[in-house]
Structures are given as C-alpha cells and as structure tokens.
Amino acid sequence: MLAVNLTGAFLCTREAFRAMRHQQPQGGRIINNGSISAHAPQPRSIAYTATKHAITGRTKSTALDGRAFDIACGQIDIGNAATDLGSGAASGTAQADGTVRPEPLMHVAEVGRAVRYMANLPLDANVATMTLMATKMPFIGRG
C-alpha cells in the first residue's frame, strides 16, 4: 500500500514537477488521486487511510512549491465510483458500527468529467480539493 499509494505517487509528482519546471514555457497541472477515506475512514483501513492523508499533504506542498513555476496542483477525493475496484461497495462495506451494508455507487464517467474540469482550468486558477461521491453514500454521517 505504501509503495504504490505513497512512494509511487511521490515519484510521479517529482518527475512531472521536474519536467514542467524545465520546459518552455514553464508550468502545468498535477491532479492527485485522494480519497474520502482520508476524511471518513472505514474500519480496518489504516494503511490506505494513512497514504491518502499523505497525498493531501503532498498536494498542498506541491501546490505551494509549484507557484514560482506556474505549476498548479490539486486533488480529487473520490467516493464509491463503479469501477472493478470500487464496485464491491454495492454488495456491502464495513461500517464503523460493526455492520456491513451496501453503499450506492456513481458512474465512473463522472470522475472523468470532474478531472477534465480540473485539467482544463487556466493555470491562474486551481481546484485545491474536490470531493466527488455518490449522492446517497453515507460519507456525510458515516459511522
């Protein structure tokens, strides 16, 4: 979990930042994949949740360090998209009260639309963080 979600993401950001800093004209946009689990974790998700907290810190540091080079950095926190990985939520997900309950999903195309919106902003504007989730998922009020 740490190698992929933290080290891998760090290495990608480092290389993207380096390329954007040295190109002419300078600048670009980095969009990090966070998770609502950093705000409302599920039971038995300590490693995943810790890596997503770290992504939030890295997003803020990259945005700050990128200002001098016209590099914008933002983050999208996604909750319950209907993908191969996320579709298990529909059949039941562990809840803080010890139960396992199904959670609603949103179509993955909505994630693509949100990322496209972030990516198409001019470099003088930035979405620092965006939370995108299935409307009826229990993120707000979870537990």
N, C-alpha and C. Protein backbone atom coordinates (compact mmCIF):
# COMPACT_ATOMS: atom_id res chain seq x y z
N MET A 1 0.82 -1.19 0.00
CA MET A 1 0.00 0.00 0.00
C MET A 1 0.87 1.26 0.00
N LEU A 2 1.88 1.29 0.88
CA LEU A 2 2.76 2.46 0.95
C LEU A 2 3.55 2.64 -0.34
N ALA A 3 4.03 1.53 -0.90
CA ALA A 3 4.84 1.62 -2.12
C ALA A 3 4.05 2.20 -3.28
N VAL A 4 2.82 1.76 -3.45
CA VAL A 4 2.01 2.23 -4.58
C VAL A 4 1.42 3.60 -4.30
N ASN A 5 0.67 3.73 -3.20
CA ASN A 5 -0.09 4.95 -2.94
C ASN A 5 0.77 6.13 -2.51
N LEU A 6 1.91 5.86 -1.93
CA LEU A 6 2.71 6.96 -1.41
C LEU A 6 4.01 7.14 -2.20
N THR A 7 4.85 6.11 -2.20
CA THR A 7 6.12 6.24 -2.92
C THR A 7 5.90 6.41 -4.41
N GLY A 8 5.04 5.60 -5.00
CA GLY A 8 4.77 5.71 -6.44
C GLY A 8 4.24 7.07 -6.82
N ALA A 9 3.28 7.57 -6.04
CA ALA A 9 2.72 8.89 -6.32
C ALA A 9 3.76 9.99 -6.14
N PHE A 10 4.61 9.85 -5.13
CA PHE A 10 5.68 10.83 -4.91
C PHE A 10 6.63 10.87 -6.10
N LEU A 11 7.05 9.71 -6.57
CA LEU A 11 7.99 9.65 -7.70
C LEU A 11 7.38 10.24 -8.97
N CYS A 12 6.10 9.97 -9.21
CA CYS A 12 5.42 10.54 -10.38
C CYS A 12 5.37 12.07 -10.28
N THR A 13 5.01 12.57 -9.11
CA THR A 13 4.95 14.02 -8.92
C THR A 13 6.32 14.65 -9.10
N ARG A 14 7.34 14.04 -8.53
CA ARG A 14 8.69 14.58 -8.65
C ARG A 14 9.10 14.71 -10.11
N GLU A 15 8.84 13.68 -10.90
CA GLU A 15 9.24 13.71 -12.32
C GLU A 15 8.39 14.70 -13.12
N ALA A 16 7.10 14.75 -12.84
CA ALA A 16 6.24 15.71 -13.54
C ALA A 16 6.65 17.14 -13.20
N PHE A 17 6.91 17.40 -11.93
CA PHE A 17 7.33 18.73 -11.49
C PHE A 17 8.62 19.12 -12.19
N ARG A 18 9.57 18.20 -12.24
CA ARG A 18 10.85 18.46 -12.89
C ARG A 18 10.65 18.82 -14.36
N ALA A 19 9.84 18.06 -15.06
CA ALA A 19 9.60 18.32 -16.49
C ALA A 19 8.89 19.66 -16.68
N MET A 20 7.87 19.94 -15.88
CA MET A 20 7.12 21.19 -16.02
C MET A 20 7.97 22.41 -15.66
N ARG A 21 8.85 22.24 -14.73
CA ARG A 21 9.72 23.34 -14.31
C ARG A 21 10.73 23.70 -15.39
N HIS A 22 11.23 22.71 -16.11
CA HIS A 22 12.29 22.95 -17.09
C HIS A 22 11.80 23.15 -18.51
N GLN A 23 10.52 22.93 -18.78
CA GLN A 23 10.03 23.14 -20.14
C GLN A 23 9.84 24.64 -20.41
N GLN A 24 9.75 24.98 -21.67
CA GLN A 24 9.48 26.36 -22.05
C GLN A 24 8.19 26.40 -22.86
N PRO A 25 7.17 27.11 -22.45
CA PRO A 25 7.11 27.86 -21.21
C PRO A 25 6.93 26.92 -20.01
N GLN A 26 7.35 27.41 -18.86
CA GLN A 26 7.21 26.63 -17.64
C GLN A 26 5.74 26.43 -17.29
N GLY A 27 5.49 25.40 -16.52
CA GLY A 27 4.17 25.25 -15.93
C GLY A 27 3.45 23.99 -16.34
N GLY A 28 2.33 23.79 -15.67
CA GLY A 28 1.49 22.64 -15.92
C GLY A 28 0.59 22.39 -14.73
N ARG A 29 -0.09 21.26 -14.74
CA ARG A 29 -1.04 20.94 -13.69
C ARG A 29 -0.86 19.48 -13.28
N ILE A 30 -0.84 19.26 -11.98
CA ILE A 30 -0.78 17.91 -11.41
C ILE A 30 -2.09 17.71 -10.63
N ILE A 31 -2.77 16.60 -10.91
CA ILE A 31 -4.01 16.27 -10.21
C ILE A 31 -3.79 14.96 -9.47
N ASN A 32 -3.84 15.03 -8.15
CA ASN A 32 -3.62 13.85 -7.32
C ASN A 32 -4.93 13.13 -7.01
N ASN A 33 -4.82 11.82 -6.88
CA ASN A 33 -5.96 10.98 -6.55
C ASN A 33 -5.98 10.73 -5.05
N GLY A 34 -6.85 11.46 -4.37
CA GLY A 34 -7.01 11.26 -2.94
C GLY A 34 -8.12 10.26 -2.68
N SER A 35 -8.77 10.40 -1.56
CA SER A 35 -9.89 9.52 -1.21
C SER A 35 -10.68 10.13 -0.08
N ILE A 36 -11.98 9.89 -0.08
CA ILE A 36 -12.78 10.35 1.05
C ILE A 36 -12.39 9.58 2.31
N SER A 37 -11.70 8.48 2.17
CA SER A 37 -11.25 7.72 3.35
C SER A 37 -10.30 8.52 4.23
N ALA A 38 -9.65 9.52 3.67
CA ALA A 38 -8.79 10.38 4.48
C ALA A 38 -9.62 11.26 5.42
N HIS A 39 -10.88 11.45 5.10
CA HIS A 39 -11.77 12.28 5.92
C HIS A 39 -12.69 11.44 6.79
N ALA A 40 -13.11 10.28 6.28
CA ALA A 40 -14.02 9.38 7.00
C ALA A 40 -13.61 7.95 6.69
N PRO A 41 -12.62 7.43 7.41
CA PRO A 41 -12.11 6.09 7.09
C PRO A 41 -13.11 5.00 7.42
N GLN A 42 -12.92 3.88 6.76
CA GLN A 42 -13.69 2.68 7.07
C GLN A 42 -12.87 1.81 8.01
N PRO A 43 -13.52 0.90 8.72
CA PRO A 43 -12.77 0.01 9.62
C PRO A 43 -11.71 -0.79 8.86
N ARG A 44 -10.62 -1.06 9.55
CA ARG A 44 -9.53 -1.88 9.04
C ARG A 44 -8.92 -1.32 7.74
N SER A 45 -8.73 -0.02 7.70
CA SER A 45 -8.15 0.61 6.51
C SER A 45 -6.99 1.53 6.87
N ILE A 46 -6.25 1.20 7.92
CA ILE A 46 -5.24 2.12 8.45
C ILE A 46 -4.15 2.46 7.42
N ALA A 47 -3.65 1.49 6.70
CA ALA A 47 -2.59 1.77 5.72
C ALA A 47 -3.12 2.63 4.58
N TYR A 48 -4.27 2.27 4.04
CA TYR A 48 -4.87 3.04 2.95
C TYR A 48 -5.16 4.46 3.40
N THR A 49 -5.80 4.60 4.57
CA THR A 49 -6.15 5.91 5.07
C THR A 49 -4.91 6.77 5.31
N ALA A 50 -3.87 6.19 5.86
CA ALA A 50 -2.64 6.94 6.11
C ALA A 50 -2.02 7.44 4.81
N THR A 51 -2.03 6.60 3.77
CA THR A 51 -1.44 7.04 2.50
C THR A 51 -2.26 8.17 1.88
N LYS A 52 -3.57 8.14 2.04
CA LYS A 52 -4.40 9.19 1.46
C LYS A 52 -4.28 10.49 2.24
N HIS A 53 -4.04 10.41 3.55
CA HIS A 53 -3.71 11.62 4.31
C HIS A 53 -2.40 12.21 3.78
N ALA A 54 -1.44 11.36 3.52
CA ALA A 54 -0.15 11.82 3.00
C ALA A 54 -0.31 12.48 1.62
N ILE A 55 -1.19 11.96 0.80
CA ILE A 55 -1.42 12.55 -0.52
C ILE A 55 -1.93 13.99 -0.35
N THR A 56 -2.79 14.21 0.62
CA THR A 56 -3.31 15.56 0.86
C THR A 56 -2.17 16.52 1.24
N GLY A 57 -1.28 16.09 2.10
CA GLY A 57 -0.14 16.92 2.45
C GLY A 57 0.77 17.17 1.26
N ARG A 58 0.99 16.14 0.46
CA ARG A 58 1.84 16.28 -0.71
C ARG A 58 1.20 17.21 -1.73
N THR A 59 -0.12 17.15 -1.87
CA THR A 59 -0.82 18.05 -2.78
C THR A 59 -0.60 19.50 -2.38
N LYS A 60 -0.76 19.79 -1.10
CA LYS A 60 -0.59 21.16 -0.62
C LYS A 60 0.85 21.63 -0.79
N SER A 61 1.82 20.79 -0.47
CA SER A 61 3.23 21.17 -0.63
C SER A 61 3.59 21.38 -2.09
N THR A 62 3.08 20.51 -2.96
CA THR A 62 3.37 20.66 -4.40
C THR A 62 2.74 21.94 -4.93
N ALA A 63 1.52 22.24 -4.51
CA ALA A 63 0.87 23.48 -4.96
C ALA A 63 1.66 24.70 -4.51
N LEU A 64 2.14 24.68 -3.29
CA LEU A 64 2.91 25.79 -2.76
C LEU A 64 4.25 25.93 -3.49
N ASP A 65 4.98 24.83 -3.61
CA ASP A 65 6.29 24.87 -4.28
C ASP A 65 6.16 25.15 -5.77
N GLY A 66 5.03 24.80 -6.36
CA GLY A 66 4.84 25.00 -7.79
C GLY A 66 4.51 26.42 -8.19
N ARG A 67 4.08 27.24 -7.26
CA ARG A 67 3.66 28.60 -7.60
C ARG A 67 4.71 29.37 -8.40
N ALA A 68 5.96 29.28 -8.00
CA ALA A 68 7.03 30.03 -8.66
C ALA A 68 7.27 29.57 -10.09
N PHE A 69 6.74 28.40 -10.45
CA PHE A 69 7.00 27.83 -11.78
C PHE A 69 5.72 27.63 -12.59
N ASP A 70 4.62 28.26 -12.17
CA ASP A 70 3.31 28.12 -12.81
C ASP A 70 2.85 26.66 -12.87
N ILE A 71 3.14 25.92 -11.81
CA ILE A 71 2.68 24.53 -11.68
C ILE A 71 1.56 24.52 -10.66
N ALA A 72 0.37 24.19 -11.11
CA ALA A 72 -0.79 24.09 -10.22
C ALA A 72 -0.94 22.63 -9.79
N CYS A 73 -1.38 22.42 -8.58
CA CYS A 73 -1.59 21.06 -8.08
C CYS A 73 -2.88 21.02 -7.28
N GLY A 74 -3.73 20.08 -7.62
CA GLY A 74 -4.98 19.89 -6.91
C GLY A 74 -5.21 18.41 -6.63
N GLN A 75 -6.30 18.14 -5.96
CA GLN A 75 -6.59 16.77 -5.55
C GLN A 75 -8.08 16.49 -5.70
N ILE A 76 -8.41 15.30 -6.15
CA ILE A 76 -9.79 14.85 -6.19
C ILE A 76 -9.94 13.67 -5.24
N ASP A 77 -10.88 13.80 -4.33
CA ASP A 77 -11.20 12.74 -3.37
C ASP A 77 -12.47 12.06 -3.87
N ILE A 78 -12.35 10.81 -4.24
CA ILE A 78 -13.43 10.08 -4.89
C ILE A 78 -14.05 9.10 -3.90
N GLY A 79 -15.36 9.01 -3.93
CA GLY A 79 -16.08 8.06 -3.09
C GLY A 79 -17.06 7.23 -3.88
N ASN A 80 -16.83 5.94 -3.91
CA ASN A 80 -17.75 4.95 -4.45
C ASN A 80 -18.09 5.10 -5.93
N ALA A 81 -17.06 5.06 -6.75
CA ALA A 81 -17.27 5.01 -8.20
C ALA A 81 -17.41 3.55 -8.64
N ALA A 82 -18.23 3.32 -9.62
CA ALA A 82 -18.48 1.96 -10.12
C ALA A 82 -17.33 1.52 -11.03
N THR A 83 -16.25 1.07 -10.40
CA THR A 83 -15.11 0.50 -11.11
C THR A 83 -14.93 -0.93 -10.63
N ASP A 84 -14.01 -1.66 -11.25
CA ASP A 84 -13.73 -3.02 -10.78
C ASP A 84 -13.34 -3.01 -9.31
N LEU A 85 -12.54 -2.04 -8.92
CA LEU A 85 -12.07 -1.96 -7.53
C LEU A 85 -13.17 -1.47 -6.58
N GLY A 86 -13.93 -0.48 -7.00
CA GLY A 86 -14.91 0.14 -6.12
C GLY A 86 -16.28 -0.50 -6.08
N SER A 87 -16.58 -1.37 -7.02
CA SER A 87 -17.93 -1.93 -7.12
C SER A 87 -18.32 -2.82 -5.95
N GLY A 88 -17.35 -3.29 -5.18
CA GLY A 88 -17.66 -4.12 -4.02
C GLY A 88 -18.52 -3.40 -3.00
N ALA A 89 -18.49 -2.08 -2.99
CA ALA A 89 -19.28 -1.31 -2.03
C ALA A 89 -20.77 -1.59 -2.20
N ALA A 90 -21.20 -1.89 -3.42
CA ALA A 90 -22.62 -2.15 -3.67
C ALA A 90 -23.11 -3.41 -2.98
N SER A 91 -22.22 -4.38 -2.76
CA SER A 91 -22.64 -5.62 -2.11
C SER A 91 -22.42 -5.58 -0.59
N GLY A 92 -21.70 -4.62 -0.11
CA GLY A 92 -21.54 -4.47 1.34
C GLY A 92 -20.16 -4.01 1.74
N THR A 93 -20.13 -2.99 2.57
CA THR A 93 -18.89 -2.40 3.06
C THR A 93 -18.95 -2.29 4.57
N ALA A 94 -17.81 -2.55 5.21
CA ALA A 94 -17.75 -2.45 6.68
C ALA A 94 -18.04 -1.02 7.11
N GLN A 95 -18.85 -0.91 8.15
CA GLN A 95 -19.23 0.38 8.71
C GLN A 95 -18.64 0.51 10.11
N ALA A 96 -18.55 1.72 10.60
CA ALA A 96 -17.96 1.98 11.92
C ALA A 96 -18.73 1.31 13.05
N ASP A 97 -20.02 1.07 12.86
CA ASP A 97 -20.82 0.45 13.92
C ASP A 97 -20.72 -1.08 13.91
N GLY A 98 -19.84 -1.62 13.07
CA GLY A 98 -19.62 -3.06 13.02
C GLY A 98 -20.48 -3.80 12.02
N THR A 99 -21.42 -3.12 11.41
CA THR A 99 -22.26 -3.77 10.40
C THR A 99 -21.59 -3.72 9.04
N VAL A 100 -22.12 -4.51 8.13
CA VAL A 100 -21.71 -4.46 6.73
C VAL A 100 -22.97 -4.10 5.94
N ARG A 101 -22.90 -2.98 5.24
CA ARG A 101 -24.07 -2.51 4.49
C ARG A 101 -23.67 -2.11 3.08
N PRO A 102 -24.57 -2.32 2.14
CA PRO A 102 -24.30 -1.85 0.78
C PRO A 102 -24.25 -0.32 0.75
N GLU A 103 -23.43 0.21 -0.16
CA GLU A 103 -23.36 1.65 -0.35
C GLU A 103 -23.59 1.96 -1.82
N PRO A 104 -24.25 3.07 -2.13
CA PRO A 104 -24.51 3.43 -3.52
C PRO A 104 -23.23 3.78 -4.27
N LEU A 105 -23.30 3.61 -5.58
CA LEU A 105 -22.17 3.92 -6.47
C LEU A 105 -22.58 5.01 -7.45
N MET A 106 -21.60 5.73 -7.95
CA MET A 106 -21.83 6.67 -9.05
C MET A 106 -21.11 6.12 -10.29
N HIS A 107 -21.52 6.56 -11.44
CA HIS A 107 -20.90 6.12 -12.68
C HIS A 107 -19.48 6.70 -12.77
N VAL A 108 -18.55 5.88 -13.18
CA VAL A 108 -17.15 6.30 -13.25
C VAL A 108 -16.93 7.45 -14.24
N ALA A 109 -17.82 7.61 -15.21
CA ALA A 109 -17.69 8.72 -16.16
C ALA A 109 -17.75 10.07 -15.46
N GLU A 110 -18.43 10.14 -14.32
CA GLU A 110 -18.49 11.40 -13.57
C GLU A 110 -17.12 11.79 -13.04
N VAL A 111 -16.34 10.79 -12.68
CA VAL A 111 -14.97 11.07 -12.23
C VAL A 111 -14.17 11.66 -13.38
N GLY A 112 -14.30 11.07 -14.55
CA GLY A 112 -13.61 11.60 -15.73
C GLY A 112 -14.00 13.03 -16.03
N ARG A 113 -15.29 13.34 -15.92
CA ARG A 113 -15.75 14.72 -16.16
C ARG A 113 -15.16 15.69 -15.14
N ALA A 114 -15.09 15.26 -13.90
CA ALA A 114 -14.55 16.13 -12.85
C ALA A 114 -13.06 16.39 -13.06
N VAL A 115 -12.32 15.34 -13.39
CA VAL A 115 -10.88 15.51 -13.65
C VAL A 115 -10.67 16.39 -14.88
N ARG A 116 -11.48 16.19 -15.91
CA ARG A 116 -11.37 17.03 -17.12
C ARG A 116 -11.61 18.50 -16.76
N TYR A 117 -12.61 18.77 -15.92
CA TYR A 117 -12.86 20.14 -15.49
C TYR A 117 -11.62 20.73 -14.82
N MET A 118 -11.05 19.98 -13.88
CA MET A 118 -9.86 20.46 -13.18
C MET A 118 -8.71 20.71 -14.16
N ALA A 119 -8.51 19.77 -15.07
CA ALA A 119 -7.39 19.85 -16.00
C ALA A 119 -7.52 21.01 -16.99
N ASN A 120 -8.74 21.38 -17.33
CA ASN A 120 -8.96 22.41 -18.34
C ASN A 120 -8.95 23.84 -17.80
N LEU A 121 -8.78 23.99 -16.50
CA LEU A 121 -8.69 25.35 -15.95
C LEU A 121 -7.40 26.01 -16.42
N PRO A 122 -7.41 27.33 -16.61
CA PRO A 122 -6.16 28.01 -16.89
C PRO A 122 -5.26 27.93 -15.65
N LEU A 123 -3.96 28.05 -15.85
CA LEU A 123 -3.02 27.88 -14.74
C LEU A 123 -3.11 28.97 -13.67
N ASP A 124 -3.86 30.03 -13.93
CA ASP A 124 -4.05 31.03 -12.88
C ASP A 124 -5.25 30.71 -11.98
N ALA A 125 -5.87 29.54 -12.21
CA ALA A 125 -6.97 29.06 -11.37
C ALA A 125 -6.71 27.60 -11.01
N ASN A 126 -7.17 27.19 -9.84
CA ASN A 126 -6.91 25.83 -9.38
C ASN A 126 -8.04 25.35 -8.48
N VAL A 127 -8.38 24.10 -8.61
CA VAL A 127 -9.25 23.43 -7.64
C VAL A 127 -8.29 22.75 -6.67
N ALA A 128 -8.19 23.28 -5.46
CA ALA A 128 -7.25 22.71 -4.49
C ALA A 128 -7.69 21.31 -4.08
N THR A 129 -8.96 21.16 -3.75
CA THR A 129 -9.51 19.83 -3.43
C THR A 129 -10.95 19.77 -3.92
N MET A 130 -11.31 18.60 -4.41
CA MET A 130 -12.68 18.34 -4.83
C MET A 130 -13.09 16.99 -4.26
N THR A 131 -14.26 16.93 -3.66
CA THR A 131 -14.80 15.66 -3.19
C THR A 131 -15.94 15.29 -4.11
N LEU A 132 -15.83 14.13 -4.73
CA LEU A 132 -16.85 13.64 -5.66
C LEU A 132 -17.29 12.28 -5.17
N MET A 133 -18.60 12.13 -4.97
CA MET A 133 -19.09 10.88 -4.39
C MET A 133 -20.51 10.60 -4.87
N ALA A 134 -20.92 9.36 -4.70
CA ALA A 134 -22.31 9.01 -4.93
C ALA A 134 -23.17 9.83 -3.97
N THR A 135 -24.22 10.43 -4.49
CA THR A 135 -25.04 11.35 -3.70
C THR A 135 -25.53 10.73 -2.40
N LYS A 136 -25.93 9.47 -2.43
CA LYS A 136 -26.52 8.85 -1.25
C LYS A 136 -25.56 8.00 -0.44
N MET A 137 -24.26 8.11 -0.75
CA MET A 137 -23.33 7.32 0.06
C MET A 137 -23.24 7.90 1.45
N PRO A 138 -22.97 7.09 2.45
CA PRO A 138 -23.01 7.56 3.83
C PRO A 138 -21.76 8.31 4.29
N PHE A 139 -21.02 8.91 3.40
CA PHE A 139 -19.81 9.66 3.77
C PHE A 139 -20.18 10.75 4.78
N ILE A 140 -21.20 11.51 4.46
CA ILE A 140 -21.67 12.53 5.38
C ILE A 140 -22.63 11.82 6.33
N GLY A 141 -22.21 11.69 7.56
CA GLY A 141 -22.99 10.95 8.54
C GLY A 141 -22.53 9.51 8.72
N ARG A 142 -21.40 9.15 8.10
CA ARG A 142 -20.90 7.78 8.24
C ARG A 142 -20.55 7.52 9.70
N GLY A 143 -20.87 6.33 10.16
CA GLY A 143 -20.49 5.93 11.50
C GLY A 143 -21.66 5.93 12.40
